[in-house]
């Protein structure tokens, strides 16, 4: 009889970003087990590939703006999803 691992596996999500200079392909992996220190599930992003124009220097100004742009996108997505939930019954 083979034993099955009881360790939860992390979830991996592909992230593809189309830019004016080509495509960025990334993978986001969320740990399956909570951190022993803080109890949160941590994640990491790994770059899989970038279009040649993104690597060539002509996109440097765009790439400098990308972290702030992605943070804004995440905040907007979170706000939209949270505020569009139906109200709790009896609230």
N, C-alpha and C. Protein backbone atom coordinates (compact mmCIF):
# COMPACT_ATOMS: atom_id res chain seq x y z
N UNK A 1 0.84 -1.17 0.00
CA UNK A 1 0.00 0.00 0.00
C UNK A 1 0.90 1.25 0.00
N UNK A 2 0.59 2.17 -0.85
CA UNK A 2 1.39 3.38 -0.94
C UNK A 2 0.80 4.45 -0.03
N UNK A 3 1.68 5.12 0.72
CA UNK A 3 1.22 6.21 1.58
C UNK A 3 1.03 7.48 0.78
N UNK A 4 0.01 8.21 1.13
CA UNK A 4 -0.24 9.48 0.46
C UNK A 4 0.28 10.61 1.33
N UNK A 5 0.89 11.57 0.69
CA UNK A 5 1.38 12.74 1.42
C UNK A 5 0.20 13.57 1.89
N UNK A 6 0.23 13.96 3.15
CA UNK A 6 -0.83 14.79 3.71
C UNK A 6 -0.45 16.28 3.63
N UNK A 7 0.72 16.58 3.05
CA UNK A 7 1.16 17.96 2.93
C UNK A 7 0.38 18.65 1.82
N UNK A 8 -0.31 19.74 2.13
CA UNK A 8 -1.05 20.45 1.08
C UNK A 8 -0.08 21.04 0.05
N UNK A 9 -0.43 20.87 -1.21
CA UNK A 9 0.40 21.42 -2.27
C UNK A 9 -0.02 22.85 -2.55
N UNK A 10 0.94 23.64 -2.95
CA UNK A 10 0.66 25.03 -3.29
C UNK A 10 -0.10 25.13 -4.60
N UNK A 11 -0.75 26.24 -4.78
CA UNK A 11 -1.47 26.50 -6.02
C UNK A 11 -0.62 27.39 -6.90
N UNK A 12 -0.61 27.11 -8.18
CA UNK A 12 0.17 27.91 -9.12
C UNK A 12 -0.78 28.51 -10.15
N UNK A 13 -0.59 29.82 -10.41
CA UNK A 13 -1.45 30.53 -11.33
C UNK A 13 -0.60 31.18 -12.41
N UNK A 14 -0.94 30.97 -13.68
CA UNK A 14 -0.21 31.67 -14.74
C UNK A 14 -0.63 33.13 -14.79
N UNK A 15 0.32 34.01 -15.07
CA UNK A 15 0.05 35.43 -15.21
C UNK A 15 0.65 35.87 -16.54
N UNK A 16 -0.17 36.36 -17.43
CA UNK A 16 0.30 36.86 -18.72
C UNK A 16 -0.08 38.33 -18.81
N UNK A 17 0.91 39.17 -19.08
CA UNK A 17 0.69 40.60 -19.18
C UNK A 17 1.04 41.05 -20.59
N UNK A 18 0.04 41.53 -21.31
CA UNK A 18 0.29 42.09 -22.64
C UNK A 18 0.64 43.56 -22.48
N UNK A 19 1.76 43.96 -23.04
CA UNK A 19 2.22 45.34 -22.93
C UNK A 19 2.37 45.92 -24.33
N UNK A 20 2.58 47.22 -24.44
CA UNK A 20 2.83 47.80 -25.76
C UNK A 20 4.14 47.30 -26.38
N UNK A 21 4.97 46.63 -25.59
CA UNK A 21 6.28 46.16 -26.06
C UNK A 21 6.36 44.65 -26.14
N UNK A 22 5.26 43.97 -25.98
CA UNK A 22 5.26 42.51 -26.05
C UNK A 22 4.63 41.92 -24.80
N UNK A 23 4.89 40.65 -24.58
CA UNK A 23 4.21 39.89 -23.53
C UNK A 23 5.19 39.48 -22.44
N UNK A 24 4.73 39.58 -21.20
CA UNK A 24 5.44 39.03 -20.05
C UNK A 24 4.68 37.79 -19.60
N UNK A 25 5.39 36.69 -19.41
CA UNK A 25 4.76 35.48 -18.88
C UNK A 25 5.38 35.18 -17.52
N UNK A 26 4.52 35.07 -16.51
CA UNK A 26 4.97 34.81 -15.15
C UNK A 26 4.12 33.68 -14.55
N UNK A 27 4.58 33.18 -13.42
CA UNK A 27 3.80 32.21 -12.65
C UNK A 27 3.80 32.65 -11.20
N UNK A 28 2.62 32.64 -10.59
CA UNK A 28 2.48 32.97 -9.18
C UNK A 28 2.17 31.67 -8.45
N UNK A 29 2.96 31.37 -7.45
CA UNK A 29 2.75 30.15 -6.67
C UNK A 29 2.47 30.52 -5.23
N UNK A 30 1.37 30.01 -4.71
CA UNK A 30 0.96 30.24 -3.33
C UNK A 30 1.32 29.00 -2.53
N UNK A 31 2.03 29.18 -1.41
CA UNK A 31 2.43 28.05 -0.57
C UNK A 31 1.21 27.31 -0.06
N UNK A 32 1.33 25.99 0.01
CA UNK A 32 0.23 25.16 0.48
C UNK A 32 0.08 25.16 1.99
N UNK A 33 1.16 25.46 2.69
CA UNK A 33 1.11 25.46 4.15
C UNK A 33 1.37 26.86 4.68
N UNK A 34 0.73 27.23 5.77
CA UNK A 34 0.98 28.55 6.35
C UNK A 34 2.40 28.64 6.94
N UNK A 35 2.92 29.83 6.96
CA UNK A 35 4.23 30.12 7.53
C UNK A 35 4.20 29.83 9.03
N UNK A 36 5.24 29.20 9.53
CA UNK A 36 5.30 28.91 10.96
C UNK A 36 5.46 30.17 11.79
N UNK A 37 6.09 31.20 11.23
CA UNK A 37 6.32 32.43 11.98
C UNK A 37 5.09 33.32 12.08
N UNK A 38 4.35 33.48 10.96
CA UNK A 38 3.25 34.45 10.97
C UNK A 38 1.88 33.84 10.69
N UNK A 39 1.84 32.59 10.26
CA UNK A 39 0.56 31.93 10.01
C UNK A 39 -0.07 32.23 8.66
N UNK A 40 0.57 33.11 7.87
CA UNK A 40 0.02 33.47 6.56
C UNK A 40 0.54 32.52 5.47
N UNK A 41 -0.21 32.42 4.40
CA UNK A 41 0.26 31.69 3.23
C UNK A 41 1.05 32.67 2.36
N UNK A 42 2.28 32.34 2.07
CA UNK A 42 3.11 33.23 1.26
C UNK A 42 3.11 32.76 -0.19
N UNK A 43 3.43 33.68 -1.07
CA UNK A 43 3.51 33.35 -2.48
C UNK A 43 4.77 33.93 -3.08
N UNK A 44 5.05 33.49 -4.28
CA UNK A 44 6.19 34.03 -5.02
C UNK A 44 5.85 34.10 -6.49
N UNK A 45 6.47 35.04 -7.16
CA UNK A 45 6.28 35.21 -8.60
C UNK A 45 7.58 34.85 -9.29
N UNK A 46 7.47 34.07 -10.35
CA UNK A 46 8.64 33.66 -11.13
C UNK A 46 8.44 34.13 -12.57
N UNK A 47 9.45 34.77 -13.12
CA UNK A 47 9.41 35.20 -14.51
C UNK A 47 9.69 33.99 -15.40
N UNK A 48 8.79 33.72 -16.32
CA UNK A 48 8.97 32.62 -17.25
C UNK A 48 9.58 33.08 -18.56
N UNK A 49 9.08 34.21 -19.09
CA UNK A 49 9.57 34.69 -20.37
C UNK A 49 9.12 36.13 -20.60
N UNK A 50 9.89 36.85 -21.39
CA UNK A 50 9.54 38.21 -21.78
C UNK A 50 9.86 38.37 -23.26
N UNK A 51 9.02 39.12 -23.96
CA UNK A 51 9.26 39.40 -25.38
C UNK A 51 10.59 40.13 -25.57
N UNK A 52 11.24 39.91 -26.71
CA UNK A 52 12.54 40.55 -26.97
C UNK A 52 12.53 42.07 -26.81
N UNK A 53 11.47 42.75 -27.22
CA UNK A 53 11.43 44.21 -27.09
C UNK A 53 11.45 44.67 -25.64
N UNK A 54 10.91 43.85 -24.74
CA UNK A 54 10.93 44.18 -23.32
C UNK A 54 12.34 44.05 -22.75
N UNK A 55 13.14 43.21 -23.35
CA UNK A 55 14.50 42.98 -22.88
C UNK A 55 15.51 43.92 -23.53
N UNK A 56 15.09 44.58 -24.60
CA UNK A 56 16.03 45.32 -25.42
C UNK A 56 16.34 46.75 -25.01
N UNK A 57 15.67 47.28 -24.00
CA UNK A 57 15.97 48.62 -23.54
C UNK A 57 14.96 49.67 -23.94
N UNK A 58 14.23 49.46 -25.02
CA UNK A 58 13.26 50.47 -25.45
C UNK A 58 12.05 50.55 -24.52
N UNK A 59 11.85 49.54 -23.70
CA UNK A 59 10.69 49.50 -22.80
C UNK A 59 11.05 49.89 -21.37
N UNK A 60 12.26 50.39 -21.14
CA UNK A 60 12.71 50.68 -19.77
C UNK A 60 11.78 51.63 -19.02
N UNK A 61 11.31 52.68 -19.66
CA UNK A 61 10.41 53.63 -18.98
C UNK A 61 9.11 52.94 -18.58
N UNK A 62 8.59 52.11 -19.48
CA UNK A 62 7.37 51.37 -19.18
C UNK A 62 7.61 50.40 -18.02
N UNK A 63 8.72 49.70 -18.04
CA UNK A 63 9.02 48.73 -16.98
C UNK A 63 9.19 49.40 -15.62
N UNK A 64 9.68 50.63 -15.61
CA UNK A 64 9.80 51.36 -14.35
C UNK A 64 8.43 51.68 -13.74
N UNK A 65 7.44 51.88 -14.60
CA UNK A 65 6.07 52.16 -14.15
C UNK A 65 5.29 50.90 -13.77
N UNK A 66 5.74 49.75 -14.25
CA UNK A 66 4.97 48.51 -14.10
C UNK A 66 4.66 48.13 -12.66
N UNK A 67 5.58 48.21 -11.69
CA UNK A 67 5.22 47.83 -10.32
C UNK A 67 4.06 48.65 -9.75
N UNK A 68 4.08 49.96 -9.96
CA UNK A 68 2.98 50.80 -9.46
C UNK A 68 1.68 50.49 -10.20
N UNK A 69 1.78 50.25 -11.49
CA UNK A 69 0.60 49.90 -12.29
C UNK A 69 -0.02 48.60 -11.79
N UNK A 70 0.82 47.60 -11.54
CA UNK A 70 0.29 46.31 -11.07
C UNK A 70 -0.31 46.43 -9.67
N UNK A 71 0.29 47.24 -8.81
CA UNK A 71 -0.28 47.46 -7.47
C UNK A 71 -1.66 48.10 -7.59
N UNK A 72 -1.80 49.07 -8.48
CA UNK A 72 -3.09 49.74 -8.68
C UNK A 72 -4.12 48.77 -9.23
N UNK A 73 -3.70 47.90 -10.14
CA UNK A 73 -4.62 46.91 -10.71
C UNK A 73 -5.10 45.97 -9.61
N UNK A 74 -4.19 45.52 -8.75
CA UNK A 74 -4.57 44.63 -7.66
C UNK A 74 -5.53 45.29 -6.69
N UNK A 75 -5.28 46.55 -6.35
CA UNK A 75 -6.16 47.27 -5.44
C UNK A 75 -7.55 47.45 -6.05
N UNK A 76 -7.59 47.77 -7.33
CA UNK A 76 -8.87 47.95 -8.02
C UNK A 76 -9.64 46.63 -8.08
N UNK A 77 -8.96 45.55 -8.41
CA UNK A 77 -9.62 44.24 -8.48
C UNK A 77 -10.18 43.84 -7.12
N UNK A 78 -9.39 44.04 -6.07
CA UNK A 78 -9.84 43.71 -4.72
C UNK A 78 -11.08 44.54 -4.35
N UNK A 79 -11.00 45.84 -4.55
CA UNK A 79 -12.11 46.72 -4.20
C UNK A 79 -13.37 46.35 -4.97
N UNK A 80 -13.22 46.07 -6.25
CA UNK A 80 -14.38 45.71 -7.08
C UNK A 80 -15.03 44.42 -6.58
N UNK A 81 -14.22 43.42 -6.31
CA UNK A 81 -14.78 42.12 -5.89
C UNK A 81 -15.41 42.19 -4.51
N UNK A 82 -14.80 42.94 -3.60
CA UNK A 82 -15.34 43.04 -2.25
C UNK A 82 -16.63 43.85 -2.23
N UNK A 83 -16.67 44.94 -2.97
CA UNK A 83 -17.86 45.79 -2.94
C UNK A 83 -19.01 45.24 -3.77
N UNK A 84 -18.76 44.27 -4.62
CA UNK A 84 -19.86 43.73 -5.44
C UNK A 84 -20.46 42.47 -4.83
N UNK A 85 -20.06 42.13 -3.61
CA UNK A 85 -20.66 40.97 -2.93
C UNK A 85 -22.07 41.34 -2.45
N UNK A 86 -22.96 40.36 -2.47
CA UNK A 86 -24.30 40.64 -1.93
C UNK A 86 -24.22 40.86 -0.42
N UNK A 87 -25.09 41.70 0.08
CA UNK A 87 -25.12 41.99 1.51
C UNK A 87 -25.50 40.72 2.28
N UNK A 88 -24.92 40.56 3.46
CA UNK A 88 -25.22 39.40 4.30
C UNK A 88 -26.65 39.49 4.82
N UNK A 89 -27.32 38.35 4.87
CA UNK A 89 -28.69 38.30 5.37
C UNK A 89 -28.68 38.60 6.87
N UNK A 90 -29.55 39.49 7.29
CA UNK A 90 -29.66 39.82 8.70
C UNK A 90 -28.65 40.86 9.16
N UNK A 91 -27.92 41.44 8.21
CA UNK A 91 -26.92 42.45 8.60
C UNK A 91 -27.51 43.81 8.70
